[in-house]
Structure formats: C-alpha cells, structure tokens
PDB file of N, CA and C in Angstrom:
ATOM      1  N   UNK A   1       0.733  -0.819  -0.304  1.00  0.00           N
ATOM      2  CA  UNK A   1       0.232   0.295   0.168  1.00  0.00           C
ATOM      3  C   UNK A   1       0.687   1.017  -0.080  1.00  0.00           C
ATOM      4  N   UNK A   2       0.327   2.422  -0.557  1.00  0.00           N
ATOM      5  CA  UNK A   2       1.240   3.506  -0.531  1.00  0.00           C
ATOM      6  C   UNK A   2       1.330   4.184  -1.520  1.00  0.00           C
ATOM      7  N   UNK A   3       2.639   4.658  -2.004  1.00  0.00           N
ATOM      8  CA  UNK A   3       2.940   5.155  -3.214  1.00  0.00           C
ATOM      9  C   UNK A   3       2.231   6.198  -4.004  1.00  0.00           C
ATOM     10  N   UNK A   4       1.652   7.150  -3.053  1.00  0.00           N
ATOM     11  CA  UNK A   4       1.176   8.647  -3.927  1.00  0.00           C
ATOM     12  C   UNK A   4       1.884   9.745  -3.942  1.00  0.00           C
ATOM     13  N   UNK A   5       1.219  10.643  -4.698  1.00  0.00           N
ATOM     14  CA  UNK A   5       2.433  12.180  -4.153  1.00  0.00           C
ATOM     15  C   UNK A   5       2.702  12.510  -5.730  1.00  0.00           C
ATOM     16  N   UNK A   6       2.330  13.881  -6.115  1.00  0.00           N
ATOM     17  CA  UNK A   6       2.344  14.104  -6.620  1.00  0.00           C
ATOM     18  C   UNK A   6       3.189  15.491  -6.771  1.00  0.00           C
ATOM     19  N   UNK A   7       4.152  15.819  -7.509  1.00  0.00           N
ATOM     20  CA  UNK A   7       4.340  17.567  -7.557  1.00  0.00           C
ATOM     21  C   UNK A   7       4.972  17.864  -8.866  1.00  0.00           C
ATOM     22  N   UNK A   8       4.131  19.403  -9.010  1.00  0.00           N
ATOM     23  CA  UNK A   8       4.553  19.715 -10.286  1.00  0.00           C
ATOM     24  C   UNK A   8       5.357  21.361 -10.354  1.00  0.00           C
ATOM     25  N   UNK A   9       5.656  21.848 -11.243  1.00  0.00           N
ATOM     26  CA  UNK A   9       5.959  23.163 -11.569  1.00  0.00           C
ATOM     27  C   UNK A   9       5.808  23.152 -13.038  1.00  0.00           C
ATOM     28  N   UNK A  10       5.137  24.104 -13.530  1.00  0.00           N
ATOM     29  CA  UNK A  10       5.357  24.482 -14.951  1.00  0.00           C
ATOM     30  C   UNK A  10       5.472  25.641 -15.389  1.00  0.00           C
ATOM     31  N   UNK A  11       6.959  25.580 -16.110  1.00  0.00           N
ATOM     32  CA  UNK A  11       7.503  27.097 -16.608  1.00  0.00           C
ATOM     33  C   UNK A  11       7.129  27.168 -17.927  1.00  0.00           C
ATOM     34  N   UNK A  12       7.233  28.616 -18.750  1.00  0.00           N
ATOM     35  CA  UNK A  12       6.900  28.926 -19.670  1.00  0.00           C
ATOM     36  C   UNK A  12       8.004  29.190 -20.715  1.00  0.00           C
ATOM     37  N   UNK A  13       8.264  29.230 -21.628  1.00  0.00           N
ATOM     38  CA  UNK A  13       9.464  29.200 -22.825  1.00  0.00           C
ATOM     39  C   UNK A  13      10.471  29.670 -22.623  1.00  0.00           C
ATOM     40  N   UNK A  14      10.290  31.508 -21.427  1.00  0.00           N
ATOM     41  CA  UNK A  14      11.505  32.078 -20.670  1.00  0.00           C
ATOM     42  C   UNK A  14      11.364  31.392 -19.710  1.00  0.00           C
ATOM     43  N   UNK A  15      11.001  30.411 -18.661  1.00  0.00           N
ATOM     44  CA  UNK A  15      11.845  29.390 -17.389  1.00  0.00           C
ATOM     45  C   UNK A  15      11.137  30.383 -16.394  1.00  0.00           C
ATOM     46  N   UNK A  16       9.928  31.251 -17.060  1.00  0.00           N
ATOM     47  CA  UNK A  16       8.634  32.227 -16.033  1.00  0.00           C
ATOM     48  C   UNK A  16       7.753  30.849 -15.188  1.00  0.00           C
ATOM     49  N   UNK A  17       7.929  30.856 -14.382  1.00  0.00           N
ATOM     50  CA  UNK A  17       7.107  29.381 -13.495  1.00  0.00           C
ATOM     51  C   UNK A  17       5.284  30.483 -13.388  1.00  0.00           C
ATOM     52  N   UNK A  18       4.604  29.422 -14.449  1.00  0.00           N
ATOM     53  CA  UNK A  18       3.375  29.387 -14.525  1.00  0.00           C
ATOM     54  C   UNK A  18       2.184  28.875 -13.657  1.00  0.00           C
ATOM     55  N   UNK A  19       2.448  27.801 -13.584  1.00  0.00           N
ATOM     56  CA  UNK A  19       1.851  27.160 -11.931  1.00  0.00           C
ATOM     57  C   UNK A  19       2.389  25.794 -11.947  1.00  0.00           C
ATOM     58  N   UNK A  20       1.809  25.631 -10.241  1.00  0.00           N
ATOM     59  CA  UNK A  20       2.539  24.373  -9.651  1.00  0.00           C
ATOM     60  C   UNK A  20       1.539  24.175  -9.134  1.00  0.00           C
ATOM     61  N   UNK A  21       1.677  22.711  -8.271  1.00  0.00           N
ATOM     62  CA  UNK A  21       0.880  22.104  -8.019  1.00  0.00           C
ATOM     63  C   UNK A  21       0.411  22.767  -6.322  1.00  0.00           C
ATOM     64  N   UNK A  22      -0.407  22.810  -5.619  1.00  0.00           N
ATOM     65  CA  UNK A  22      -1.396  22.678  -4.994  1.00  0.00           C
ATOM     66  C   UNK A  22      -2.543  22.744  -4.535  1.00  0.00           C
ATOM     67  N   UNK A  23      -3.093  22.975  -3.627  1.00  0.00           N
ATOM     68  CA  UNK A  23      -4.449  22.803  -3.081  1.00  0.00           C
ATOM     69  C   UNK A  23      -5.380  23.385  -3.891  1.00  0.00           C
ATOM     70  N   UNK A  24      -4.976  24.414  -5.173  1.00  0.00           N
ATOM     71  CA  UNK A  24      -6.227  24.854  -5.572  1.00  0.00           C
ATOM     72  C   UNK A  24      -6.308  23.797  -6.870  1.00  0.00           C
ATOM     73  N   UNK A  25      -5.577  22.966  -7.470  1.00  0.00           N
ATOM     74  CA  UNK A  25      -5.827  21.750  -8.344  1.00  0.00           C
ATOM     75  C   UNK A  25      -6.993  21.161  -7.935  1.00  0.00           C
ATOM     76  N   UNK A  26      -7.916  20.232  -8.470  1.00  0.00           N
ATOM     77  CA  UNK A  26      -8.804  19.740  -8.277  1.00  0.00           C
ATOM     78  C   UNK A  26      -8.632  18.219  -8.839  1.00  0.00           C
ATOM     79  N   UNK A  27      -8.803  17.161  -7.621  1.00  0.00           N
ATOM     80  CA  UNK A  27      -8.628  15.555  -8.019  1.00  0.00           C
ATOM     81  C   UNK A  27      -9.813  14.708  -7.981  1.00  0.00           C
ATOM     82  N   UNK A  28      -9.754  13.532  -8.657  1.00  0.00           N
ATOM     83  CA  UNK A  28     -10.777  12.783  -8.869  1.00  0.00           C
ATOM     84  C   UNK A  28     -10.150  11.159  -8.708  1.00  0.00           C
ATOM     85  N   UNK A  29     -10.651  10.647  -7.631  1.00  0.00           N
ATOM     86  CA  UNK A  29     -10.131   8.956  -7.525  1.00  0.00           C
ATOM     87  C   UNK A  29     -10.482   8.329  -8.132  1.00  0.00           C
ATOM     88  N   UNK A  30     -10.546   7.861  -9.310  1.00  0.00           N
ATOM     89  CA  UNK A  30     -10.878   6.782  -9.840  1.00  0.00           C
ATOM     90  C   UNK A  30     -10.521   5.226  -9.657  1.00  0.00           C
ATOM     91  N   UNK A  31      -9.789   5.074  -8.701  1.00  0.00           N
ATOM     92  CA  UNK A  31      -9.230   3.496  -8.090  1.00  0.00           C
ATOM     93  C   UNK A  31      -9.043   3.483  -7.075  1.00  0.00           C
ATOM     94  N   UNK A  32      -9.594   3.283  -5.951  1.00  0.00           N
ATOM     95  CA  UNK A  32      -9.154   2.461  -4.462  1.00  0.00           C
ATOM     96  C   UNK A  32      -9.007   1.736  -4.216  1.00  0.00           C
ATOM     97  N   UNK A  33      -7.929   1.492  -3.233  1.00  0.00           N
ATOM     98  CA  UNK A  33      -7.583  -0.298  -3.306  1.00  0.00           C
ATOM     99  C   UNK A  33      -6.609  -0.147  -2.291  1.00  0.00           C
ATOM    100  N   UNK A  34      -6.377  -1.081  -1.229  1.00  0.00           N
ATOM    101  CA  UNK A  34      -7.622  -1.866  -1.151  1.00  0.00           C
ATOM    102  C   UNK A  34      -8.917  -0.936  -0.063  1.00  0.00           C
ATOM    103  N   UNK A  35     -10.057  -1.695  -0.040  1.00  0.00           N
ATOM    104  CA  UNK A  35     -10.702  -1.399   1.012  1.00  0.00           C
ATOM    105  C   UNK A  35     -10.559  -1.293   2.279  1.00  0.00           C
ATOM    106  N   UNK A  36      -9.935  -2.764   2.727  1.00  0.00           N
ATOM    107  CA  UNK A  36      -9.569  -2.823   4.044  1.00  0.00           C
ATOM    108  C   UNK A  36      -8.222  -3.081   4.228  1.00  0.00           C
ATOM    109  N   UNK A  37      -7.932  -2.598   4.594  1.00  0.00           N
ATOM    110  CA  UNK A  37      -6.895  -2.059   5.301  1.00  0.00           C
ATOM    111  C   UNK A  37      -5.746  -2.964   5.442  1.00  0.00           C
ATOM    112  N   UNK A  38      -6.670  -4.470   5.869  1.00  0.00           N
ATOM    113  CA  UNK A  38      -6.216  -5.392   6.628  1.00  0.00           C
ATOM    114  C   UNK A  38      -5.581  -6.787   5.196  1.00  0.00           C
ATOM    115  N   UNK A  39      -6.090  -5.832   4.009  1.00  0.00           N
ATOM    116  CA  UNK A  39      -4.894  -6.975   2.927  1.00  0.00           C
ATOM    117  C   UNK A  39      -3.307  -6.232   2.813  1.00  0.00           C
ATOM    118  N   UNK A  40      -2.945  -5.566   3.430  1.00  0.00           N
ATOM    119  CA  UNK A  40      -1.754  -5.337   3.337  1.00  0.00           C
ATOM    120  C   UNK A  40      -0.993  -6.643   4.221  1.00  0.00           C
ATOM    121  N   UNK A  41      -1.298  -7.349   4.865  1.00  0.00           N
ATOM    122  CA  UNK A  41      -0.922  -7.976   5.987  1.00  0.00           C
ATOM    123  C   UNK A  41      -1.203  -9.856   5.371  1.00  0.00           C
ATOM    124  N   UNK A  42      -2.239  -9.779   4.591  1.00  0.00           N
ATOM    125  CA  UNK A  42      -2.208 -11.244   3.702  1.00  0.00           C
ATOM    126  C   UNK A  42      -0.821 -11.691   3.040  1.00  0.00           C
ATOM    127  N   UNK A  43      -0.563 -12.729   2.812  1.00  0.00           N
ATOM    128  CA  UNK A  43       0.898 -13.124   2.706  1.00  0.00           C
ATOM    129  C   UNK A  43       0.602 -13.788   1.159  1.00  0.00           C
ATOM    130  N   UNK A  44      -1.011 -13.576   0.616  1.00  0.00           N
ATOM    131  CA  UNK A  44      -0.994 -14.297  -0.260  1.00  0.00           C
ATOM    132  C   UNK A  44      -2.623 -12.970  -0.784  1.00  0.00           C
ATOM    133  N   UNK A  45      -2.346 -11.663  -1.051  1.00  0.00           N
ATOM    134  CA  UNK A  45      -3.219 -10.618  -1.406  1.00  0.00           C
ATOM    135  C   UNK A  45      -3.942 -11.532  -3.235  1.00  0.00           C
ATOM    136  N   UNK A  46      -5.363 -11.246  -3.041  1.00  0.00           N
ATOM    137  CA  UNK A  46      -5.485 -11.265  -4.174  1.00  0.00           C
ATOM    138  C   UNK A  46      -6.265 -10.373  -4.649  1.00  0.00           C
ATOM    139  N   UNK A  47      -6.081  -9.315  -5.533  1.00  0.00           N
ATOM    140  CA  UNK A  47      -7.282  -8.088  -6.201  1.00  0.00           C
ATOM    141  C   UNK A  47      -8.395  -8.476  -6.185  1.00  0.00           C
ATOM    142  N   UNK A  48      -9.130  -7.983  -5.571  1.00  0.00           N
ATOM    143  CA  UNK A  48     -10.600  -7.802  -5.740  1.00  0.00           C
ATOM    144  C   UNK A  48     -10.879  -8.959  -5.131  1.00  0.00           C
ATOM    145  N   UNK A  49      -9.998  -9.812  -4.178  1.00  0.00           N
ATOM    146  CA  UNK A  49     -10.539 -10.800  -3.473  1.00  0.00           C
ATOM    147  C   UNK A  49     -10.457 -10.675  -1.783  1.00  0.00           C
ATOM    148  N   UNK A  50     -11.009 -11.377  -1.070  1.00  0.00           N
ATOM    149  CA  UNK A  50     -11.122 -10.984   0.815  1.00  0.00           C
ATOM    150  C   UNK A  50     -11.072  -9.962   1.003  1.00  0.00           C
ATOM    151  N   UNK A  51     -10.432  -9.545   2.111  1.00  0.00           N
ATOM    152  CA  UNK A  51      -9.782  -8.146   2.119  1.00  0.00           C
ATOM    153  C   UNK A  51      -9.327  -7.091   1.397  1.00  0.00           C
ATOM    154  N   UNK A  52      -8.855  -7.585   0.032  1.00  0.00           N
ATOM    155  CA  UNK A  52      -8.084  -7.048  -0.846  1.00  0.00           C
ATOM    156  C   UNK A  52      -9.063  -6.668  -2.056  1.00  0.00           C
ATOM    157  N   UNK A  53     -10.445  -6.007  -1.661  1.00  0.00           N
ATOM    158  CA  UNK A  53     -11.437  -5.848  -2.549  1.00  0.00           C
ATOM    159  C   UNK A  53     -11.031  -3.968  -2.844  1.00  0.00           C
ATOM    160  N   UNK A  54     -11.477  -4.041  -3.852  1.00  0.00           N
ATOM    161  CA  UNK A  54     -11.293  -2.699  -4.302  1.00  0.00           C
ATOM    162  C   UNK A  54     -11.895  -1.833  -5.168  1.00  0.00           C
ATOM    163  N   UNK A  55     -12.426  -0.537  -5.594  1.00  0.00           N
ATOM    164  CA  UNK A  55     -13.396   0.259  -6.117  1.00  0.00           C
ATOM    165  C   UNK A  55     -12.492   1.164  -7.097  1.00  0.00           C
ATOM    166  N   UNK A  56     -13.441   0.652  -8.300  1.00  0.00           N
ATOM    167  CA  UNK A  56     -12.606   1.511  -9.531  1.00  0.00           C
ATOM    168  C   UNK A  56     -14.001   2.141 -10.531  1.00  0.00           C
ATOM    169  N   UNK A  57     -13.638   3.348 -10.818  1.00  0.00           N
ATOM    170  CA  UNK A  57     -14.466   3.567 -11.927  1.00  0.00           C
ATOM    171  C   UNK A  57     -13.907   4.744 -12.936  1.00  0.00           C
ATOM    172  N   UNK A  58     -14.731   4.472 -14.271  1.00  0.00           N
ATOM    173  CA  UNK A  58     -13.957   4.768 -15.404  1.00  0.00           C
ATOM    174  C   UNK A  58     -14.088   6.185 -15.359  1.00  0.00           C
ATOM    175  N   UNK A  59     -12.554   7.358 -16.159  1.00  0.00           N
ATOM    176  CA  UNK A  59     -12.700   8.106 -16.004  1.00  0.00           C
ATOM    177  C   UNK A  59     -13.892   9.304 -16.776  1.00  0.00           C
ATOM    178  N   UNK A  60     -14.196  10.409 -16.160  1.00  0.00           N
ATOM    179  CA  UNK A  60     -15.380  10.734 -17.143  1.00  0.00           C
ATOM    180  C   UNK A  60     -15.205  11.103 -18.468  1.00  0.00           C
ATOM    181  N   UNK A  61     -15.568  11.344 -19.009  1.00  0.00           N
ATOM    182  CA  UNK A  61     -15.722  11.373 -20.846  1.00  0.00           C
ATOM    183  C   UNK A  61     -15.158  12.993 -20.727  1.00  0.00           C
ATOM    184  N   UNK A  62     -14.193  12.979 -21.180  1.00  0.00           N
ATOM    185  CA  UNK A  62     -13.351  14.054 -21.922  1.00  0.00           C
ATOM    186  C   UNK A  62     -12.651  14.914 -20.718  1.00  0.00           C
ATOM    187  N   UNK A  63     -12.049  14.176 -19.898  1.00  0.00           N
ATOM    188  CA  UNK A  63     -11.382  15.123 -18.464  1.00  0.00           C
ATOM    189  C   UNK A  63     -10.204  15.850 -18.583  1.00  0.00           C
ATOM    190  N   UNK A  64      -9.656  14.911 -19.883  1.00  0.00           N
ATOM    191  CA  UNK A  64      -8.399  15.766 -20.297  1.00  0.00           C
ATOM    192  C   UNK A  64      -8.232  16.617 -20.910  1.00  0.00           C
ATOM    193  N   UNK A  65      -9.961  17.240 -21.398  1.00  0.00           N
ATOM    194  CA  UNK A  65      -9.543  18.850 -22.502  1.00  0.00           C
ATOM    195  C   UNK A  65      -9.868  19.689 -21.695  1.00  0.00           C
ATOM    196  N   UNK A  66      -9.665  20.641 -22.546  1.00  0.00           N
ATOM    197  CA  UNK A  66      -9.092  21.773 -21.634  1.00  0.00           C
ATOM    198  C   UNK A  66     -10.842  22.346 -21.453  1.00  0.00           C
ATOM    199  N   UNK A  67     -12.147  21.943 -22.009  1.00  0.00           N
ATOM    200  CA  UNK A  67     -13.619  22.510 -21.927  1.00  0.00           C
ATOM    201  C   UNK A  67     -13.633  21.682 -20.969  1.00  0.00           C
ATOM    202  N   UNK A  68     -13.095  20.825 -20.142  1.00  0.00           N
ATOM    203  CA  UNK A  68     -13.872  19.817 -19.177  1.00  0.00           C
ATOM    204  C   UNK A  68     -14.263  20.498 -17.722  1.00  0.00           C
ATOM    205  N   UNK A  69     -15.415  20.376 -17.051  1.00  0.00           N
ATOM    206  CA  UNK A  69     -15.654  21.246 -15.858  1.00  0.00           C
ATOM    207  C   UNK A  69     -15.233  20.354 -14.481  1.00  0.00           C
ATOM    208  N   UNK A  70     -13.835  20.443 -14.017  1.00  0.00           N
ATOM    209  CA  UNK A  70     -13.760  19.613 -12.727  1.00  0.00           C
ATOM    210  C   UNK A  70     -14.017  20.725 -11.496  1.00  0.00           C
ATOM    211  N   UNK A  71     -15.051  21.572 -11.795  1.00  0.00           N
ATOM    212  CA  UNK A  71     -14.722  22.193 -10.474  1.00  0.00           C
ATOM    213  C   UNK A  71     -16.201  21.351  -9.194  1.00  0.00           C
ATOM    214  N   UNK A  72     -16.296  20.132  -9.790  1.00  0.00           N
ATOM    215  CA  UNK A  72     -16.967  19.453  -8.831  1.00  0.00           C
ATOM    216  C   UNK A  72     -16.157  18.517  -8.006  1.00  0.00           C
ATOM    217  N   UNK A  73     -15.421  18.409  -8.431  1.00  0.00           N
ATOM    218  CA  UNK A  73     -13.971  17.362  -7.931  1.00  0.00           C
ATOM    219  C   UNK A  73     -13.465  18.194  -6.711  1.00  0.00           C
ATOM    220  N   UNK A  74     -12.648  17.258  -5.881  1.00  0.00           N
ATOM    221  CA  UNK A  74     -12.147  17.345  -4.859  1.00  0.00           C
ATOM    222  C   UNK A  74     -11.313  18.389  -4.918  1.00  0.00           C
ATOM    223  N   UNK A  75     -11.086  19.447  -3.943  1.00  0.00           N
ATOM    224  CA  UNK A  75      -9.451  20.017  -3.920  1.00  0.00           C
ATOM    225  C   UNK A  75      -8.199  18.785  -3.449  1.00  0.00           C
ATOM    226  N   UNK A  76      -7.357  19.161  -4.034  1.00  0.00           N
ATOM    227  CA  UNK A  76      -6.690  18.052  -3.955  1.00  0.00           C
ATOM    228  C   UNK A  76      -6.058  18.327  -2.686  1.00  0.00           C
ATOM    229  N   UNK A  77      -5.553  16.990  -2.165  1.00  0.00           N
ATOM    230  CA  UNK A  77      -4.799  16.990  -0.421  1.00  0.00           C
ATOM    231  C   UNK A  77      -3.663  17.253  -0.816  1.00  0.00           C
ATOM    232  N   UNK A  78      -2.824  18.114   0.394  1.00  0.00           N
ATOM    233  CA  UNK A  78      -1.537  18.347   0.281  1.00  0.00           C
ATOM    234  C   UNK A  78      -0.702  17.580   1.665  1.00  0.00           C
ATOM    235  N   UNK A  79       0.217  17.469   0.900  1.00  0.00           N
ATOM    236  CA  UNK A  79       1.282  16.483   1.607  1.00  0.00           C
ATOM    237  C   UNK A  79       2.704  16.290   2.326  1.00  0.00           C
ATOM    238  N   UNK A  80       2.954  16.067   3.018  1.00  0.00           N
ATOM    239  CA  UNK A  80       4.563  16.636   3.064  1.00  0.00           C
ATOM    240  C   UNK A  80       5.224  15.843   2.956  1.00  0.00           C
ATOM    241  N   UNK A  81       6.717  16.040   2.555  1.00  0.00           N
ATOM    242  CA  UNK A  81       7.910  15.377   1.849  1.00  0.00           C
ATOM    243  C   UNK A  81       7.517  14.395   2.763  1.00  0.00           C
ATOM    244  N   UNK A  82       7.991  13.904   4.324  1.00  0.00           N
ATOM    245  CA  UNK A  82       8.055  12.892   5.100  1.00  0.00           C
ATOM    246  C   UNK A  82       6.809  12.610   5.489  1.00  0.00           C
ATOM    247  N   UNK A  83       5.359  12.514   4.874  1.00  0.00           N
ATOM    248  CA  UNK A  83       4.395  11.824   4.180  1.00  0.00           C
ATOM    249  C   UNK A  83       4.517  11.036   3.355  1.00  0.00           C
ATOM    250  N   UNK A  84       5.231  11.876   1.736  1.00  0.00           N
ATOM    251  CA  UNK A  84       5.004  10.837   1.135  1.00  0.00           C
ATOM    252  C   UNK A  84       6.635  10.047   0.413  1.00  0.00           C
ATOM    253  N   UNK A  85       7.565  10.564   0.954  1.00  0.00           N
ATOM    254  CA  UNK A  85       8.796  10.360   0.709  1.00  0.00           C
ATOM    255  C   UNK A  85       9.290   9.886  -0.553  1.00  0.00           C
ATOM    256  N   UNK A  86       8.996  11.313  -1.402  1.00  0.00           N
ATOM    257  CA  UNK A  86       9.447  11.198  -2.769  1.00  0.00           C
ATOM    258  C   UNK A  86      11.016  10.178  -3.007  1.00  0.00           C
ATOM    259  N   UNK A  87      11.204   9.957  -4.547  1.00  0.00           N
ATOM    260  CA  UNK A  87      11.976   9.576  -4.730  1.00  0.00           C
ATOM    261  C   UNK A  87      12.403   9.566  -6.560  1.00  0.00           C
ATOM    262  N   UNK A  88      13.159   8.666  -6.919  1.00  0.00           N
ATOM    263  CA  UNK A  88      13.054   8.696  -7.696  1.00  0.00           C
ATOM    264  C   UNK A  88      13.750  10.154  -9.009  1.00  0.00           C
ATOM    265  N   UNK A  89      14.615  10.438  -8.180  1.00  0.00           N
ATOM    266  CA  UNK A  89      15.294  11.856  -8.985  1.00  0.00           C
ATOM    267  C   UNK A  89      14.400  13.456  -8.102  1.00  0.00           C
ATOM    268  N   UNK A  90      13.556  13.140  -7.567  1.00  0.00           N
ATOM    269  CA  UNK A  90      12.818  14.185  -6.662  1.00  0.00           C
ATOM    270  C   UNK A  90      13.924  15.000  -5.941  1.00  0.00           C
ATOM    271  N   UNK A  91      14.979  14.945  -5.450  1.00  0.00           N
ATOM    272  CA  UNK A  91      16.230  15.988  -5.324  1.00  0.00           C
ATOM    273  C   UNK A  91      17.038  16.414  -6.021  1.00  0.00           C
ATOM    274  N   UNK A  92      17.155  15.549  -7.362  1.00  0.00           N
ATOM    275  CA  UNK A  92      17.585  16.575  -8.338  1.00  0.00           C
ATOM    276  C   UNK A  92      17.115  17.923  -9.006  1.00  0.00           C
ATOM    277  N   UNK A  93      15.731  17.950  -8.544  1.00  0.00           N
ATOM    278  CA  UNK A  93      15.031  19.194  -9.278  1.00  0.00           C
ATOM    279  C   UNK A  93      15.065  20.356  -8.304  1.00  0.00           C
ATOM    280  N   UNK A  94      15.133  21.431  -8.347  1.00  0.00           N
ATOM    281  CA  UNK A  94      14.914  22.917  -7.906  1.00  0.00           C
ATOM    282  C   UNK A  94      13.362  22.837  -7.725  1.00  0.00           C
ATOM    283  N   UNK A  95      12.735  22.535  -6.887  1.00  0.00           N
ATOM    284  CA  UNK A  95      11.116  22.808  -6.790  1.00  0.00           C
ATOM    285  C   UNK A  95      11.567  24.853  -5.858  1.00  0.00           C
ATOM    286  N   UNK A  96      10.044  25.063  -6.747  1.00  0.00           N
ATOM    287  CA  UNK A  96       9.910  26.124  -6.688  1.00  0.00           C
ATOM    288  C   UNK A  96       9.196  26.070  -4.735  1.00  0.00           C
ATOM    289  N   UNK A  97       9.178  26.557  -3.844  1.00  0.00           N
ATOM    290  CA  UNK A  97       8.910  27.186  -2.778  1.00  0.00           C
ATOM    291  C   UNK A  97       7.294  26.754  -2.833  1.00  0.00           C
ATOM    292  N   UNK A  98       7.059  27.448  -3.940  1.00  0.00           N
ATOM    293  CA  UNK A  98       5.038  27.173  -3.840  1.00  0.00           C
ATOM    294  C   UNK A  98       4.627  26.002  -4.318  1.00  0.00           C
ATOM    295  N   UNK A  99       5.827  25.071  -5.170  1.00  0.00           N
ATOM    296  CA  UNK A  99       4.753  23.514  -5.345  1.00  0.00           C
ATOM    297  C   UNK A  99       4.781  22.740  -4.604  1.00  0.00           C
ATOM    298  N   UNK A 100       4.072  22.351  -4.053  1.00  0.00           N
ATOM    299  CA  UNK A 100       3.385  21.126  -2.866  1.00  0.00           C
ATOM    300  C   UNK A 100       3.439  19.855  -3.345  1.00  0.00           C
ATOM    301  N   UNK A 101       3.499  18.349  -2.700  1.00  0.00           N
ATOM    302  CA  UNK A 101       3.078  17.725  -3.098  1.00  0.00           C
ATOM    303  C   UNK A 101       1.891  17.517  -2.376  1.00  0.00           C
ATOM    304  N   UNK A 102       1.235  16.648  -3.512  1.00  0.00           N
ATOM    305  CA  UNK A 102      -0.156  16.539  -4.145  1.00  0.00           C
ATOM    306  C   UNK A 102      -1.086  15.579  -4.271  1.00  0.00           C
ATOM    307  N   UNK A 103      -1.991  14.613  -4.083  1.00  0.00           N
ATOM    308  CA  UNK A 103      -2.461  13.708  -4.350  1.00  0.00           C
ATOM    309  C   UNK A 103      -4.215  13.433  -3.821  1.00  0.00           C
ATOM    310  N   UNK A 104      -4.595  12.185  -3.774  1.00  0.00           N
ATOM    311  CA  UNK A 104      -6.018  11.866  -3.203  1.00  0.00           C
ATOM    312  C   UNK A 104      -5.938  12.525  -1.595  1.00  0.00           C
ATOM    313  N   UNK A 105      -7.286  12.079  -1.070  1.00  0.00           N
ATOM    314  CA  UNK A 105      -7.768  12.271  -0.225  1.00  0.00           C
ATOM    315  C   UNK A 105      -6.685  11.177   1.067  1.00  0.00           C
ATOM    316  N   UNK A 106      -6.136   9.677   0.107  1.00  0.00           N
ATOM    317  CA  UNK A 106      -5.333   9.042   1.323  1.00  0.00           C
ATOM    318  C   UNK A 106      -4.342   8.094   0.335  1.00  0.00           C
ATOM    319  N   UNK A 107      -3.334   8.797   0.911  1.00  0.00           N
ATOM    320  CA  UNK A 107      -1.871   8.212  -0.331  1.00  0.00           C
ATOM    321  C   UNK A 107      -1.839   6.847   0.072  1.00  0.00           C
ATOM    322  N   UNK A 108      -2.507   5.779   1.175  1.00  0.00           N
ATOM    323  CA  UNK A 108      -1.768   4.791   0.938  1.00  0.00           C
ATOM    324  C   UNK A 108      -2.972   3.666  -0.199  1.00  0.00           C
ATOM    325  N   UNK A 109      -4.238   4.302  -0.261  1.00  0.00           N
ATOM    326  CA  UNK A 109      -5.610   3.611  -0.817  1.00  0.00           C
ATOM    327  C   UNK A 109      -6.072   4.388  -2.247  1.00  0.00           C
ATOM    328  N   UNK A 110      -5.798   5.395  -2.571  1.00  0.00           N
ATOM    329  CA  UNK A 110      -6.106   6.479  -3.030  1.00  0.00           C
ATOM    330  C   UNK A 110      -5.146   6.079  -4.416  1.00  0.00           C
ATOM    331  N   UNK A 111      -5.605   4.977  -5.559  1.00  0.00           N
ATOM    332  CA  UNK A 111      -4.364   4.432  -6.130  1.00  0.00           C
ATOM    333  C   UNK A 111      -4.559   5.409  -7.426  1.00  0.00           C
ATOM    334  N   UNK A 112      -5.240   5.413  -8.297  1.00  0.00           N
ATOM    335  CA  UNK A 112      -5.123   6.127  -9.605  1.00  0.00           C
ATOM    336  C   UNK A 112      -6.038   7.712  -8.900  1.00  0.00           C
ATOM    337  N   UNK A 113      -5.142   9.056  -9.527  1.00  0.00           N
ATOM    338  CA  UNK A 113      -5.804  10.085  -8.836  1.00  0.00           C
ATOM    339  C   UNK A 113      -5.842  10.872 -10.197  1.00  0.00           C
ATOM    340  N   UNK A 114      -6.952  11.700 -10.466  1.00  0.00           N
ATOM    341  CA  UNK A 114      -7.292  12.439 -12.008  1.00  0.00           C
ATOM    342  C   UNK A 114      -6.676  13.713 -11.218  1.00  0.00           C
ATOM    343  N   UNK A 115      -6.127  14.985 -11.634  1.00  0.00           N
ATOM    344  CA  UNK A 115      -6.081  16.394 -11.181  1.00  0.00           C
ATOM    345  C   UNK A 115      -5.886  16.869 -12.482  1.00  0.00           C
ATOM    346  N   UNK A 116      -6.540  18.339 -12.360  1.00  0.00           N
ATOM    347  CA  UNK A 116      -6.597  19.036 -13.590  1.00  0.00           C
ATOM    348  C   UNK A 116      -6.381  20.347 -12.421  1.00  0.00           C
ATOM    349  N   UNK A 117      -5.869  21.651 -13.263  1.00  0.00           N
ATOM    350  CA  UNK A 117      -5.999  23.003 -13.108  1.00  0.00           C
ATOM    351  C   UNK A 117      -5.879  23.549 -14.024  1.00  0.00           C
ATOM    352  N   UNK A 118      -7.246  24.336 -14.575  1.00  0.00           N
ATOM    353  CA  UNK A 118      -6.788  25.468 -15.592  1.00  0.00           C
ATOM    354  C   UNK A 118      -5.211  26.702 -15.386  1.00  0.00           C
ATOM    355  N   UNK A 119      -4.769  26.589 -16.262  1.00  0.00           N
ATOM    356  CA  UNK A 119      -3.717  27.632 -16.010  1.00  0.00           C
ATOM    357  C   UNK A 119      -4.540  28.855 -17.471  1.00  0.00           C
ATOM    358  N   UNK A 120      -4.395  30.042 -16.612  1.00  0.00           N
ATOM    359  CA  UNK A 120      -5.090  31.414 -17.518  1.00  0.00           C
ATOM    360  C   UNK A 120      -3.629  31.876 -18.468  1.00  0.00           C
TER     361      UNK A 120
END
C-alpha cells in the first residue's frame, strides 16, 4: 500500500513559473484499493478478493480536454515530504517553494488519481 503523491511546476518558454501543484488543483480518485487495510498483511493477496477488494470507476468522458468542468471534484490534498517520501530524482530538481506534493485524500488507498488545473 502507498506510493501516492505528485509534485508539479510548469514554466513557460522564458523559464517563468506559471503554475505549481497545490490545493487549487481539483482531483478525482478513480481507483481505490484495498478497501480493507488488512489486505496489506495478507500473505497471498488477491486483488478483488477477500480483504483486498477495490473500487474503480471509469474516468469521466473528456476529463483531459481544456473545456472540461472539474469544479465538482475535490480539492487536492497536500502532503509533506515526510508523508510522501518522494524518490526517483525528486532531489535532483530545484522545486519552487510554492510547489506542493498533492494527491487524493489517502496516500495509501487512493491509487489512481486524476488532477486538473486551469492555467490562464
């Protein structure tokens, strides 16, 4: 279980920061698993069986298009570095102080999270 968290900073062609990940992003969890945390202790876990049941929904049609309205989605949850434990090159990037680690409401169980931000 676990492994959630994302951080983003977007710069324009001149290198100016135009957007960062923070709680202004809107996110929708489309895959939650396992629904029962005791699955983590299973010696032979089977996705969808026993304590390892999950919940998955199809992404909304057109969610990735510019005109999509995600205002009904929840605000992104913000987490600390200590909570996320980022790796894979995280330390090699000079992050803006404004960029925050975001994810769905649960770092361990929110497995697939769609997030959006409209940048003017």
